[in-house]
């Protein structure tokens, strides 16, 4: 995928999403991952999803790290990763 410049609205979404990471919905997380991926094509898709998760739900990311669900190095693990993250999203909400 070719790198592209994010729109002003997309940049604003990313900035606000990281500011309110503790209140971010799973759907917003997926949108945030997509925006990060299109703006940073040097990351693989699995790497993007894991890195963004680590930024917004570090405890959840750490619970997955080095497990059979970890998609950082293997993009084909992304479906199982996303299924697990969606099911556990609210259980790992960071306290503000």
C-alpha atoms as a PDB file:
ATOM      1  CA  UNK A   1       0.000   0.000   0.000  1.00  0.00           C
ATOM      2  CA  UNK A   2       1.366   3.402  -0.952  1.00  0.00           C
ATOM      3  CA  UNK A   3       1.847   6.017   1.710  1.00  0.00           C
ATOM      4  CA  UNK A   4      -0.631   8.841   1.615  1.00  0.00           C
ATOM      5  CA  UNK A   5      -1.077  12.068   3.492  1.00  0.00           C
ATOM      6  CA  UNK A   6      -3.866  11.969   6.069  1.00  0.00           C
ATOM      7  CA  UNK A   7      -6.648  14.508   5.830  1.00  0.00           C
ATOM      8  CA  UNK A   8      -7.078  17.136   8.529  1.00  0.00           C
ATOM      9  CA  UNK A   9     -10.134  15.254   9.809  1.00  0.00           C
ATOM     10  CA  UNK A  10      -8.205  11.972   9.985  1.00  0.00           C
ATOM     11  CA  UNK A  11      -5.330  13.620  11.845  1.00  0.00           C
ATOM     12  CA  UNK A  12      -7.821  15.122  14.284  1.00  0.00           C
ATOM     13  CA  UNK A  13      -9.426  11.708  14.841  1.00  0.00           C
ATOM     14  CA  UNK A  14      -6.044  10.164  15.667  1.00  0.00           C
ATOM     15  CA  UNK A  15      -5.109  12.962  18.042  1.00  0.00           C
ATOM     16  CA  UNK A  16      -8.444  12.794  19.885  1.00  0.00           C
ATOM     17  CA  UNK A  17      -8.390   8.998  19.979  1.00  0.00           C
ATOM     18  CA  UNK A  18      -5.051   8.920  21.782  1.00  0.00           C
ATOM     19  CA  UNK A  19      -6.225  11.652  24.165  1.00  0.00           C
ATOM     20  CA  UNK A  20      -9.275   9.604  25.170  1.00  0.00           C
ATOM     21  CA  UNK A  21      -7.698   6.142  24.892  1.00  0.00           C
ATOM     22  CA  UNK A  22      -9.391   5.040  28.122  1.00  0.00           C
ATOM     23  CA  UNK A  23     -12.805   5.738  26.555  1.00  0.00           C
ATOM     24  CA  UNK A  24     -12.017   4.496  23.045  1.00  0.00           C
ATOM     25  CA  UNK A  25     -14.459   1.963  21.594  1.00  0.00           C
ATOM     26  CA  UNK A  26     -13.279  -1.169  19.827  1.00  0.00           C
ATOM     27  CA  UNK A  27     -14.651   0.213  16.543  1.00  0.00           C
ATOM     28  CA  UNK A  28     -12.668   3.416  17.019  1.00  0.00           C
ATOM     29  CA  UNK A  29      -9.594   1.268  17.667  1.00  0.00           C
ATOM     30  CA  UNK A  30     -10.066  -0.484  14.310  1.00  0.00           C
ATOM     31  CA  UNK A  31     -10.469   2.875  12.532  1.00  0.00           C
ATOM     32  CA  UNK A  32      -7.370   4.180  14.294  1.00  0.00           C
ATOM     33  CA  UNK A  33      -5.401   1.123  13.160  1.00  0.00           C
ATOM     34  CA  UNK A  34      -6.488   1.647   9.566  1.00  0.00           C
ATOM     35  CA  UNK A  35      -5.444   5.297   9.628  1.00  0.00           C
ATOM     36  CA  UNK A  36      -2.095   4.437  11.180  1.00  0.00           C
ATOM     37  CA  UNK A  37      -1.543   1.725   8.562  1.00  0.00           C
ATOM     38  CA  UNK A  38      -2.271   3.934   5.549  1.00  0.00           C
ATOM     39  CA  UNK A  39      -0.108   6.738   6.900  1.00  0.00           C
ATOM     40  CA  UNK A  40       2.794   4.454   7.847  1.00  0.00           C
ATOM     41  CA  UNK A  41       3.222   1.736   5.205  1.00  0.00           C
ATOM     42  CA  UNK A  42       6.561   0.625   6.656  1.00  0.00           C
ATOM     43  CA  UNK A  43       4.582  -1.294   9.291  1.00  0.00           C
ATOM     44  CA  UNK A  44       2.878  -4.550   8.366  1.00  0.00           C
ATOM     45  CA  UNK A  45      -0.812  -4.798   9.184  1.00  0.00           C
ATOM     46  CA  UNK A  46      -0.325  -7.109  12.198  1.00  0.00           C
ATOM     47  CA  UNK A  47       2.454  -4.897  13.495  1.00  0.00           C
ATOM     48  CA  UNK A  48       0.180  -1.864  13.174  1.00  0.00           C
ATOM     49  CA  UNK A  49      -2.714  -3.454  15.056  1.00  0.00           C
ATOM     50  CA  UNK A  50      -0.437  -4.641  17.857  1.00  0.00           C
ATOM     51  CA  UNK A  51       1.418  -1.316  18.198  1.00  0.00           C
ATOM     52  CA  UNK A  52      -1.793   0.699  18.313  1.00  0.00           C
ATOM     53  CA  UNK A  53      -3.252  -1.722  20.865  1.00  0.00           C
ATOM     54  CA  UNK A  54      -0.158  -1.278  22.995  1.00  0.00           C
ATOM     55  CA  UNK A  55      -0.697   2.495  22.894  1.00  0.00           C
ATOM     56  CA  UNK A  56      -4.383   2.414  23.845  1.00  0.00           C
ATOM     57  CA  UNK A  57      -4.707  -0.782  25.932  1.00  0.00           C
ATOM     58  CA  UNK A  58      -1.184  -1.714  27.093  1.00  0.00           C
ATOM     59  CA  UNK A  59      -2.347  -4.336  29.608  1.00  0.00           C
ATOM     60  CA  UNK A  60      -4.391  -6.087  26.922  1.00  0.00           C
ATOM     61  CA  UNK A  61      -1.463  -5.957  24.488  1.00  0.00           C
ATOM     62  CA  UNK A  62       0.867  -7.366  27.132  1.00  0.00           C
ATOM     63  CA  UNK A  63      -1.552 -10.221  27.847  1.00  0.00           C
ATOM     64  CA  UNK A  64      -1.291 -11.204  24.155  1.00  0.00           C
ATOM     65  CA  UNK A  65       2.440 -10.616  23.635  1.00  0.00           C
ATOM     66  CA  UNK A  66       4.279 -13.843  22.659  1.00  0.00           C
ATOM     67  CA  UNK A  67       1.055 -15.873  22.760  1.00  0.00           C
ATOM     68  CA  UNK A  68      -0.539 -17.780  19.893  1.00  0.00           C
ATOM     69  CA  UNK A  69      -2.649 -14.654  19.229  1.00  0.00           C
ATOM     70  CA  UNK A  70       0.277 -12.250  18.829  1.00  0.00           C
ATOM     71  CA  UNK A  71       0.035 -10.837  15.284  1.00  0.00           C
ATOM     72  CA  UNK A  72       3.058  -8.519  15.520  1.00  0.00           C
ATOM     73  CA  UNK A  73       5.284 -10.836  13.477  1.00  0.00           C
ATOM     74  CA  UNK A  74       2.608 -12.914  11.718  1.00  0.00           C
ATOM     75  CA  UNK A  75      -0.175 -11.079   9.918  1.00  0.00           C
ATOM     76  CA  UNK A  76      -2.161 -14.297   9.429  1.00  0.00           C
ATOM     77  CA  UNK A  77      -2.886 -14.271  13.185  1.00  0.00           C
ATOM     78  CA  UNK A  78      -4.826 -11.007  12.849  1.00  0.00           C
ATOM     79  CA  UNK A  79      -8.360 -12.548  12.675  1.00  0.00           C
ATOM     80  CA  UNK A  80      -7.896 -14.481  15.934  1.00  0.00           C
ATOM     81  CA  UNK A  81      -6.151 -11.477  17.493  1.00  0.00           C
ATOM     82  CA  UNK A  82      -9.070  -9.173  16.626  1.00  0.00           C
ATOM     83  CA  UNK A  83     -11.650 -11.664  17.843  1.00  0.00           C
ATOM     84  CA  UNK A  84      -9.898 -11.894  21.206  1.00  0.00           C
ATOM     85  CA  UNK A  85      -9.297  -8.142  21.483  1.00  0.00           C
ATOM     86  CA  UNK A  86     -12.975  -7.436  20.730  1.00  0.00           C
ATOM     87  CA  UNK A  87     -14.108  -9.922  23.386  1.00  0.00           C
ATOM     88  CA  UNK A  88     -11.736  -8.516  26.028  1.00  0.00           C
ATOM     89  CA  UNK A  89     -11.824  -4.822  25.104  1.00  0.00           C
ATOM     90  CA  UNK A  90     -13.891  -3.590  28.058  1.00  0.00           C
ATOM     91  CA  UNK A  91     -12.167  -5.903  30.545  1.00  0.00           C
ATOM     92  CA  UNK A  92      -8.858  -4.135  29.996  1.00  0.00           C
ATOM     93  CA  UNK A  93     -10.068  -0.552  30.040  1.00  0.00           C
ATOM     94  CA  UNK A  94      -7.426   1.615  31.652  1.00  0.00           C
ATOM     95  CA  UNK A  95      -8.566   3.579  34.664  1.00  0.00           C
ATOM     96  CA  UNK A  96      -8.324   7.349  34.300  1.00  0.00           C
END
